[in-house]
Amino acid sequence: MVVGFDRASKSPFAHTVPSKGLVGTNDYPAKAIAKDFDLLGYKRVNMKSDQENAIVAVLRKSKELWTGESTLEFSPKGESK
C-alpha cells in the first residue's frame, strides 16, 4: 500500500499496490501518485519519505511522470521521519 498525506486539506490518500516498489506494477504506484497531485490541483509538491529502496524508486518515477515541479526529501538513515 502506498499512503500519502496532503497537508493543505489534511486528507490522507492510499492506493493498494500489487507489490513493493515498481517491479511487476506497470508503474501503477507512481502513476497513482501523479494523478493524486493533478486531482488536488497542485503545480509544485515536496515528496518526503525514508530511504527505503522500493519507495525511493516509486517517488523518483512519480517525479518523472508528473508534469508539475516536484522535489524529493529523504529522512536520514535510522530516523523514522
C-alpha atoms as a PDB file:
ATOM      1  CA  MET A   1       0.000   0.000   0.000  1.00  0.00           C
ATOM      2  CA  VAL A   2       1.214   3.485  -0.863  1.00  0.00           C
ATOM      3  CA  VAL A   3      -0.027   6.157   1.533  1.00  0.00           C
ATOM      4  CA  GLY A   4       0.259   9.924   1.244  1.00  0.00           C
ATOM      5  CA  PHE A   5      -0.955  12.903   3.228  1.00  0.00           C
ATOM      6  CA  ASP A   6      -1.976  16.304   1.894  1.00  0.00           C
ATOM      7  CA  ARG A   7      -1.116  18.949   4.483  1.00  0.00           C
ATOM      8  CA  ALA A   8      -3.344  21.645   2.982  1.00  0.00           C
ATOM      9  CA  SER A   9      -6.585  19.636   3.014  1.00  0.00           C
ATOM     10  CA  LYS A  10      -5.434  17.313   5.806  1.00  0.00           C
ATOM     11  CA  SER A  11      -6.566  14.416   3.624  1.00  0.00           C
ATOM     12  CA  PRO A  12      -4.883  11.016   3.515  1.00  0.00           C
ATOM     13  CA  PHE A  13      -4.562   9.161   0.223  1.00  0.00           C
ATOM     14  CA  ALA A  14      -3.925   5.443  -0.148  1.00  0.00           C
ATOM     15  CA  HIS A  15      -3.519   3.037  -3.044  1.00  0.00           C
ATOM     16  CA  THR A  16      -3.339  -0.724  -2.830  1.00  0.00           C
ATOM     17  CA  VAL A  17      -0.450  -1.961  -4.952  1.00  0.00           C
ATOM     18  CA  PRO A  18       0.363  -5.485  -6.148  1.00  0.00           C
ATOM     19  CA  SER A  19       3.949  -5.495  -4.881  1.00  0.00           C
ATOM     20  CA  LYS A  20       6.593  -3.445  -3.140  1.00  0.00           C
ATOM     21  CA  GLY A  21       8.256  -0.868  -5.369  1.00  0.00           C
ATOM     22  CA  LEU A  22       7.698  -0.837  -9.119  1.00  0.00           C
ATOM     23  CA  VAL A  23       8.534  -4.429 -10.091  1.00  0.00           C
ATOM     24  CA  GLY A  24       5.529  -6.033 -11.787  1.00  0.00           C
ATOM     25  CA  THR A  25       3.277  -2.989 -11.297  1.00  0.00           C
ATOM     26  CA  ASN A  26       3.421  -1.318 -14.741  1.00  0.00           C
ATOM     27  CA  ASP A  27       4.401   1.815 -12.755  1.00  0.00           C
ATOM     28  CA  TYR A  28       0.934   1.894 -11.137  1.00  0.00           C
ATOM     29  CA  PRO A  29       2.066   3.334  -7.753  1.00  0.00           C
ATOM     30  CA  ALA A  30       3.921   6.206  -9.440  1.00  0.00           C
ATOM     31  CA  LYS A  31       1.039   6.894 -11.836  1.00  0.00           C
ATOM     32  CA  ALA A  32      -1.439   6.943  -8.936  1.00  0.00           C
ATOM     33  CA  ILE A  33       0.666   9.474  -7.016  1.00  0.00           C
ATOM     34  CA  ALA A  34       0.994  11.708 -10.084  1.00  0.00           C
ATOM     35  CA  LYS A  35      -2.762  11.507 -10.630  1.00  0.00           C
ATOM     36  CA  ASP A  36      -3.392  12.496  -6.989  1.00  0.00           C
ATOM     37  CA  PHE A  37      -1.289  15.632  -7.480  1.00  0.00           C
ATOM     38  CA  ASP A  38      -3.299  16.535 -10.580  1.00  0.00           C
ATOM     39  CA  LEU A  39      -6.629  15.901  -8.819  1.00  0.00           C
ATOM     40  CA  LEU A  40      -5.557  18.159  -5.969  1.00  0.00           C
ATOM     41  CA  GLY A  41      -4.623  20.882  -8.455  1.00  0.00           C
ATOM     42  CA  TYR A  42      -1.011  21.200  -7.405  1.00  0.00           C
ATOM     43  CA  LYS A  43       1.667  22.691  -9.639  1.00  0.00           C
ATOM     44  CA  ARG A  44       4.505  22.150  -7.130  1.00  0.00           C
ATOM     45  CA  VAL A  45       4.962  19.484  -4.431  1.00  0.00           C
ATOM     46  CA  ASN A  46       7.556  18.243  -1.969  1.00  0.00           C
ATOM     47  CA  MET A  47       7.592  14.458  -1.539  1.00  0.00           C
ATOM     48  CA  LYS A  48       9.056  13.164   1.729  1.00  0.00           C
ATOM     49  CA  SER A  49       9.953   9.611   2.667  1.00  0.00           C
ATOM     50  CA  ASP A  50      12.543   7.401   4.252  1.00  0.00           C
ATOM     51  CA  GLN A  51      15.392   5.979   2.154  1.00  0.00           C
ATOM     52  CA  GLU A  52      13.939   2.522   1.561  1.00  0.00           C
ATOM     53  CA  ASN A  53      14.835   1.472  -1.999  1.00  0.00           C
ATOM     54  CA  ALA A  54      11.314   0.469  -3.054  1.00  0.00           C
ATOM     55  CA  ILE A  55       9.657   3.764  -2.096  1.00  0.00           C
ATOM     56  CA  VAL A  56      12.568   5.810  -3.433  1.00  0.00           C
ATOM     57  CA  ALA A  57      12.037   4.126  -6.830  1.00  0.00           C
ATOM     58  CA  VAL A  58       8.298   4.904  -6.717  1.00  0.00           C
ATOM     59  CA  LEU A  59       8.841   8.555  -5.803  1.00  0.00           C
ATOM     60  CA  ARG A  60      11.520   9.050  -8.459  1.00  0.00           C
ATOM     61  CA  LYS A  61       9.209   7.556 -11.085  1.00  0.00           C
ATOM     62  CA  SER A  62       6.346   9.786  -9.852  1.00  0.00           C
ATOM     63  CA  LYS A  63       8.603  12.811 -10.248  1.00  0.00           C
ATOM     64  CA  GLU A  64       9.482  11.690 -13.771  1.00  0.00           C
ATOM     65  CA  LEU A  65       5.834  11.115 -14.779  1.00  0.00           C
ATOM     66  CA  TRP A  66       4.220  14.168 -13.205  1.00  0.00           C
ATOM     67  CA  THR A  67       4.236  17.387 -15.233  1.00  0.00           C
ATOM     68  CA  GLY A  68       4.443  19.712 -12.206  1.00  0.00           C
ATOM     69  CA  GLU A  69       7.504  20.751 -10.254  1.00  0.00           C
ATOM     70  CA  SER A  70       8.490  18.307  -7.526  1.00  0.00           C
ATOM     71  CA  THR A  71      11.303  17.839  -5.062  1.00  0.00           C
ATOM     72  CA  LEU A  72      12.262  14.718  -3.144  1.00  0.00           C
ATOM     73  CA  GLU A  73      13.279  14.807   0.505  1.00  0.00           C
ATOM     74  CA  PHE A  74      14.510  11.755   2.388  1.00  0.00           C
ATOM     75  CA  SER A  75      14.957  11.400   6.114  1.00  0.00           C
ATOM     76  CA  PRO A  76      18.420  10.391   7.321  1.00  0.00           C
ATOM     77  CA  LYS A  77      19.016   6.679   7.751  1.00  0.00           C
ATOM     78  CA  GLY A  78      17.939   5.498  11.177  1.00  0.00           C
ATOM     79  CA  GLU A  79      15.258   8.168  11.602  1.00  0.00           C
ATOM     80  CA  SER A  80      11.589   7.378  11.151  1.00  0.00           C
ATOM     81  CA  LYS A  81      10.538  10.864   9.970  1.00  0.00           C
END
